[in-house]
C-alpha atoms as a PDB file:
ATOM      1  CA  MET A   1     -18.487 -14.595  12.695  1.00  0.00           C
ATOM      2  CA  ARG A   2     -17.074 -17.745  11.128  1.00  0.00           C
ATOM      3  CA  VAL A   3     -19.315 -17.325   8.065  1.00  0.00           C
ATOM      4  CA  SER A   4     -18.287 -13.698   7.487  1.00  0.00           C
ATOM      5  CA  ILE A   5     -14.566 -14.603   7.544  1.00  0.00           C
ATOM      6  CA  THR A   6     -15.141 -17.394   5.018  1.00  0.00           C
ATOM      7  CA  ILE A   7     -17.084 -15.049   2.737  1.00  0.00           C
ATOM      8  CA  ARG A   8     -14.234 -12.506   2.865  1.00  0.00           C
ATOM      9  CA  VAL A   9     -11.543 -15.132   2.235  1.00  0.00           C
ATOM     10  CA  LEU A  10     -13.235 -16.801  -0.763  1.00  0.00           C
ATOM     11  CA  PRO A  11     -12.808 -13.842  -3.153  1.00  0.00           C
ATOM     12  CA  VAL A  12      -9.126 -13.585  -2.183  1.00  0.00           C
ATOM     13  CA  LEU A  13      -8.588 -17.315  -2.810  1.00  0.00           C
ATOM     14  CA  PHE A  14     -10.462 -17.073  -6.110  1.00  0.00           C
ATOM     15  CA  ALA A  15      -8.343 -14.105  -7.239  1.00  0.00           C
ATOM     16  CA  CYS A  16      -5.146 -15.929  -6.289  1.00  0.00           C
ATOM     17  CA  GLY A  17      -6.308 -18.959  -8.250  1.00  0.00           C
ATOM     18  CA  LEU A  18      -6.997 -16.834 -11.331  1.00  0.00           C
ATOM     19  CA  SER A  19      -3.604 -15.149 -11.132  1.00  0.00           C
ATOM     20  CA  ALA A  20      -1.918 -18.556 -10.860  1.00  0.00           C
ATOM     21  CA  CYS A  21      -3.749 -19.713 -14.004  1.00  0.00           C
ATOM     22  CA  ALA A  22      -2.816 -16.499 -15.800  1.00  0.00           C
ATOM     23  CA  SER A  23       0.871 -17.195 -15.250  1.00  0.00           C
ATOM     24  CA  LEU A  24       0.662 -20.574 -17.013  1.00  0.00           C
ATOM     25  CA  PRO A  25       1.592 -20.558 -20.711  1.00  0.00           C
ATOM     26  CA  GLU A  26      -1.372 -20.757 -23.098  1.00  0.00           C
ATOM     27  CA  ASN A  27      -0.011 -23.906 -24.731  1.00  0.00           C
ATOM     28  CA  PRO A  28       3.148 -25.482 -23.326  1.00  0.00           C
ATOM     29  CA  ILE A  29       3.636 -27.485 -26.540  1.00  0.00           C
ATOM     30  CA  SER A  30       6.005 -25.884 -29.061  1.00  0.00           C
ATOM     31  CA  THR A  31       4.613 -25.763 -32.577  1.00  0.00           C
ATOM     32  CA  PRO A  32       5.937 -28.540 -34.814  1.00  0.00           C
ATOM     33  CA  ARG A  33       6.989 -27.688 -38.363  1.00  0.00           C
ATOM     34  CA  VAL A  34       4.740 -29.350 -40.943  1.00  0.00           C
ATOM     35  CA  THR A  35       5.979 -29.172 -44.543  1.00  0.00           C
ATOM     36  CA  LEU A  36       4.647 -30.443 -47.843  1.00  0.00           C
ATOM     37  CA  ASN A  37       7.103 -32.955 -49.242  1.00  0.00           C
ATOM     38  CA  ASP A  38       5.380 -34.277 -52.368  1.00  0.00           C
ATOM     39  CA  VAL A  39       2.207 -34.084 -54.465  1.00  0.00           C
ATOM     40  CA  ARG A  40       1.773 -37.121 -56.686  1.00  0.00           C
ATOM     41  CA  VAL A  41      -1.064 -38.155 -58.991  1.00  0.00           C
ATOM     42  CA  ILE A  42      -2.031 -41.731 -58.162  1.00  0.00           C
ATOM     43  CA  GLY A  43      -5.232 -41.979 -60.162  1.00  0.00           C
ATOM     44  CA  LEU A  44      -6.772 -40.375 -63.239  1.00  0.00           C
ATOM     45  CA  GLY A  45     -10.317 -41.009 -64.370  1.00  0.00           C
ATOM     46  CA  PHE A  46     -13.318 -39.466 -66.076  1.00  0.00           C
ATOM     47  CA  LYS A  47     -14.813 -38.474 -62.728  1.00  0.00           C
ATOM     48  CA  GLY A  48     -11.681 -36.975 -61.209  1.00  0.00           C
ATOM     49  CA  GLN A  49      -8.127 -37.287 -60.052  1.00  0.00           C
ATOM     50  CA  THR A  50      -6.639 -38.792 -56.908  1.00  0.00           C
ATOM     51  CA  PHE A  51      -3.563 -37.146 -55.434  1.00  0.00           C
ATOM     52  CA  LEU A  52      -1.254 -38.432 -52.718  1.00  0.00           C
ATOM     53  CA  LEU A  53      -0.002 -35.611 -50.483  1.00  0.00           C
ATOM     54  CA  SER A  54       3.118 -36.399 -48.426  1.00  0.00           C
ATOM     55  CA  PHE A  55       4.135 -34.318 -45.417  1.00  0.00           C
ATOM     56  CA  ASP A  56       7.050 -34.157 -42.989  1.00  0.00           C
ATOM     57  CA  VAL A  57       6.597 -33.181 -39.337  1.00  0.00           C
ATOM     58  CA  GLN A  58       9.487 -31.924 -37.177  1.00  0.00           C
ATOM     59  CA  ASN A  59       8.851 -32.023 -33.424  1.00  0.00           C
ATOM     60  CA  PRO A  60      10.885 -29.452 -31.436  1.00  0.00           C
ATOM     61  CA  ASN A  61       9.546 -30.729 -28.099  1.00  0.00           C
ATOM     62  CA  PRO A  62      11.532 -32.904 -25.648  1.00  0.00           C
ATOM     63  CA  PHE A  63       8.604 -35.359 -25.577  1.00  0.00           C
ATOM     64  CA  PRO A  64       6.816 -37.364 -28.287  1.00  0.00           C
ATOM     65  CA  LEU A  65       3.721 -35.915 -29.986  1.00  0.00           C
ATOM     66  CA  PRO A  66       0.968 -38.499 -30.470  1.00  0.00           C
ATOM     67  CA  VAL A  67      -1.070 -37.076 -33.374  1.00  0.00           C
ATOM     68  CA  ARG A  68      -4.658 -38.311 -33.672  1.00  0.00           C
ATOM     69  CA  ASP A  69      -6.108 -36.067 -36.402  1.00  0.00           C
ATOM     70  CA  ILE A  70      -5.077 -33.379 -38.856  1.00  0.00           C
ATOM     71  CA  GLY A  71      -6.854 -30.376 -40.308  1.00  0.00           C
ATOM     72  CA  TYR A  72      -5.301 -28.786 -43.387  1.00  0.00           C
ATOM     73  CA  GLU A  73      -5.695 -26.244 -46.162  1.00  0.00           C
ATOM     74  CA  LEU A  74      -3.261 -26.372 -49.066  1.00  0.00           C
ATOM     75  CA  LYS A  75      -2.743 -23.761 -51.774  1.00  0.00           C
ATOM     76  CA  LEU A  76      -0.553 -24.286 -54.819  1.00  0.00           C
ATOM     77  CA  ASP A  77       0.732 -21.146 -56.547  1.00  0.00           C
ATOM     78  CA  GLY A  78      -1.934 -19.108 -54.724  1.00  0.00           C
ATOM     79  CA  GLN A  79      -4.816 -21.395 -55.808  1.00  0.00           C
ATOM     80  CA  ARG A  80      -6.779 -23.382 -53.232  1.00  0.00           C
ATOM     81  CA  PHE A  81      -5.961 -27.026 -53.906  1.00  0.00           C
ATOM     82  CA  ALA A  82      -7.367 -29.061 -51.038  1.00  0.00           C
ATOM     83  CA  SER A  83      -8.647 -28.731 -47.494  1.00  0.00           C
ATOM     84  CA  GLY A  84     -10.220 -30.954 -44.921  1.00  0.00           C
ATOM     85  CA  GLU A  85      -9.753 -33.022 -41.813  1.00  0.00           C
ATOM     86  CA  THR A  86      -8.590 -36.582 -41.480  1.00  0.00           C
ATOM     87  CA  ALA A  87      -7.993 -39.049 -38.697  1.00  0.00           C
ATOM     88  CA  SER A  88      -4.342 -40.011 -38.873  1.00  0.00           C
ATOM     89  CA  GLU A  89      -2.749 -41.644 -35.869  1.00  0.00           C
ATOM     90  CA  PHE A  90       1.028 -41.501 -35.661  1.00  0.00           C
ATOM     91  CA  THR A  91       3.638 -40.347 -33.169  1.00  0.00           C
ATOM     92  CA  VAL A  92       6.394 -37.860 -33.858  1.00  0.00           C
ATOM     93  CA  PRO A  93       9.413 -38.747 -31.686  1.00  0.00           C
ATOM     94  CA  ALA A  94      10.823 -36.263 -29.174  1.00  0.00           C
ATOM     95  CA  ASP A  95      13.132 -33.822 -31.003  1.00  0.00           C
ATOM     96  CA  GLY A  96      12.531 -35.943 -34.105  1.00  0.00           C
ATOM     97  CA  ASN A  97      10.756 -36.254 -37.429  1.00  0.00           C
ATOM     98  CA  ALA A  98       7.914 -38.278 -38.874  1.00  0.00           C
ATOM     99  CA  SER A  99       6.146 -38.460 -42.223  1.00  0.00           C
ATOM    100  CA  PHE A 100       2.539 -39.032 -43.152  1.00  0.00           C
ATOM    101  CA  SER A 101       0.551 -39.162 -46.373  1.00  0.00           C
ATOM    102  CA  MET A 102      -3.075 -38.727 -47.310  1.00  0.00           C
ATOM    103  CA  SER A 103      -5.011 -39.160 -50.515  1.00  0.00           C
ATOM    104  CA  VAL A 104      -7.276 -36.451 -51.881  1.00  0.00           C
ATOM    105  CA  ASP A 105      -9.940 -36.985 -54.551  1.00  0.00           C
ATOM    106  CA  LEU A 106     -10.625 -33.957 -56.754  1.00  0.00           C
ATOM    107  CA  ASN A 107     -12.245 -33.132 -60.054  1.00  0.00           C
ATOM    108  CA  LEU A 108     -10.093 -30.284 -61.281  1.00  0.00           C
ATOM    109  CA  VAL A 109     -11.738 -30.126 -64.704  1.00  0.00           C
ATOM    110  CA  GLN A 110     -15.099 -29.252 -63.127  1.00  0.00           C
ATOM    111  CA  THR A 111     -14.041 -27.373 -59.997  1.00  0.00           C
ATOM    112  CA  SER A 112     -10.917 -25.481 -61.039  1.00  0.00           C
ATOM    113  CA  PRO A 113      -9.546 -25.674 -64.570  1.00  0.00           C
ATOM    114  CA  GLN A 114      -7.086 -22.904 -63.648  1.00  0.00           C
ATOM    115  CA  LEU A 115      -5.623 -25.137 -60.924  1.00  0.00           C
ATOM    116  CA  LEU A 116      -5.111 -27.884 -63.498  1.00  0.00           C
ATOM    117  CA  PHE A 117      -2.771 -25.514 -65.367  1.00  0.00           C
ATOM    118  CA  VAL A 118      -0.930 -24.729 -62.105  1.00  0.00           C
ATOM    119  CA  ILE A 119      -0.348 -28.440 -61.522  1.00  0.00           C
ATOM    120  CA  ARG A 120       0.933 -28.965 -65.072  1.00  0.00           C
ATOM    121  CA  ASP A 121       3.201 -25.937 -64.636  1.00  0.00           C
ATOM    122  CA  GLY A 122       4.434 -27.365 -61.329  1.00  0.00           C
ATOM    123  CA  ALA A 123       5.735 -30.402 -63.191  1.00  0.00           C
ATOM    124  CA  ARG A 124       8.030 -28.117 -65.233  1.00  0.00           C
ATOM    125  CA  ARG A 125       9.184 -25.717 -62.517  1.00  0.00           C
ATOM    126  CA  GLU A 126       9.018 -25.136 -58.786  1.00  0.00           C
ATOM    127  CA  ILE A 127       5.821 -23.517 -57.580  1.00  0.00           C
ATOM    128  CA  ARG A 128       4.961 -22.065 -54.167  1.00  0.00           C
ATOM    129  CA  TYR A 129       2.786 -23.894 -51.694  1.00  0.00           C
ATOM    130  CA  GLU A 130       1.053 -22.527 -48.623  1.00  0.00           C
ATOM    131  CA  LEU A 131      -0.054 -24.942 -45.932  1.00  0.00           C
ATOM    132  CA  GLU A 132      -1.914 -24.248 -42.728  1.00  0.00           C
ATOM    133  CA  GLY A 133      -4.014 -26.204 -40.318  1.00  0.00           C
ATOM    134  CA  ARG A 134      -3.994 -27.925 -36.974  1.00  0.00           C
ATOM    135  CA  LEU A 135      -2.756 -31.114 -35.367  1.00  0.00           C
ATOM    136  CA  GLY A 136      -5.012 -32.762 -32.809  1.00  0.00           C
ATOM    137  CA  VAL A 137      -2.748 -34.422 -30.258  1.00  0.00           C
ATOM    138  CA  ASP A 138      -3.562 -37.190 -27.812  1.00  0.00           C
ATOM    139  CA  ILE A 139      -2.235 -35.342 -24.761  1.00  0.00           C
ATOM    140  CA  PRO A 140      -4.710 -34.660 -21.928  1.00  0.00           C
ATOM    141  CA  PHE A 141      -6.014 -31.070 -21.873  1.00  0.00           C
ATOM    142  CA  ALA A 142      -3.804 -30.051 -24.839  1.00  0.00           C
ATOM    143  CA  PRO A 143      -5.608 -27.880 -27.386  1.00  0.00           C
ATOM    144  CA  PRO A 144      -5.073 -28.502 -31.108  1.00  0.00           C
ATOM    145  CA  ILE A 145      -1.713 -27.178 -32.318  1.00  0.00           C
ATOM    146  CA  ARG A 146      -1.925 -24.682 -35.192  1.00  0.00           C
ATOM    147  CA  TYR A 147       0.746 -24.834 -37.890  1.00  0.00           C
ATOM    148  CA  ARG A 148       1.641 -22.870 -41.007  1.00  0.00           C
ATOM    149  CA  SER A 149       4.357 -23.266 -43.617  1.00  0.00           C
ATOM    150  CA  ASP A 150       5.155 -22.356 -47.192  1.00  0.00           C
ATOM    151  CA  GLY A 151       7.896 -22.967 -49.677  1.00  0.00           C
ATOM    152  CA  PRO A 152       8.744 -24.196 -53.139  1.00  0.00           C
ATOM    153  CA  ILE A 153       7.744 -27.604 -54.460  1.00  0.00           C
ATOM    154  CA  ARG A 154       8.103 -29.413 -57.743  1.00  0.00           C
ATOM    155  CA  LEU A 155       5.291 -31.782 -58.652  1.00  0.00           C
ATOM    156  CA  ASP A 156       5.572 -35.280 -60.091  1.00  0.00           C
ATOM    157  CA  PRO A 157       6.224 -34.825 -63.850  1.00  0.00           C
ATOM    158  CA  GLY A 158       5.305 -38.452 -64.658  1.00  0.00           C
ATOM    159  CA  ALA A 159       1.571 -37.894 -64.431  1.00  0.00           C
ATOM    160  CA  PHE A 160       1.338 -35.008 -66.885  1.00  0.00           C
END
C-alpha cells in the first residue's frame, strides 16, 4: 500500500515542479544596449587592413554584468563587415556603462571591394550600421544575452 501511494504522488509532485519552473522568467537578466561607437583604421598593409572597433554597453540591471566573451556580426551600410567571437573580460556596473574595443584584421581588396567603397563613403557622411550578437556573462546558470542595435556612424576620415 505504501508503494502505490508513492507511485501516485510522484506524478503530482513532478507536475507541480514543472509548473513552478514554467512560471520562472526565461532569462531574468534585462538585455543591455550594445552600440557601435567608432570604427578606426589602425593598420594598412599589402596583406590587409586592421580596424579597431569601439563599443559602448549600457546595463539596465540593478546588478553588475561580468562579461566573459562576445559574439558579434557587424554590417556597414548593409554590407557584412566583420563577425566573430572574442574573449573579452570586463564588468559593466549596475545601471551603468562600460566600453570595450577589439581589433579586426580584414583584406577588403580581396574579400569585398564594394565594402571598401562603403568605408571611404563613411568617412564623408554618416552611414548605417547594424550590430547583433551575444554577451556571455559570468553569472551561474545565465544563458548568453542576445543583443541587437543599429544607427548612424561616421568613420575616421584620417585613414582614407
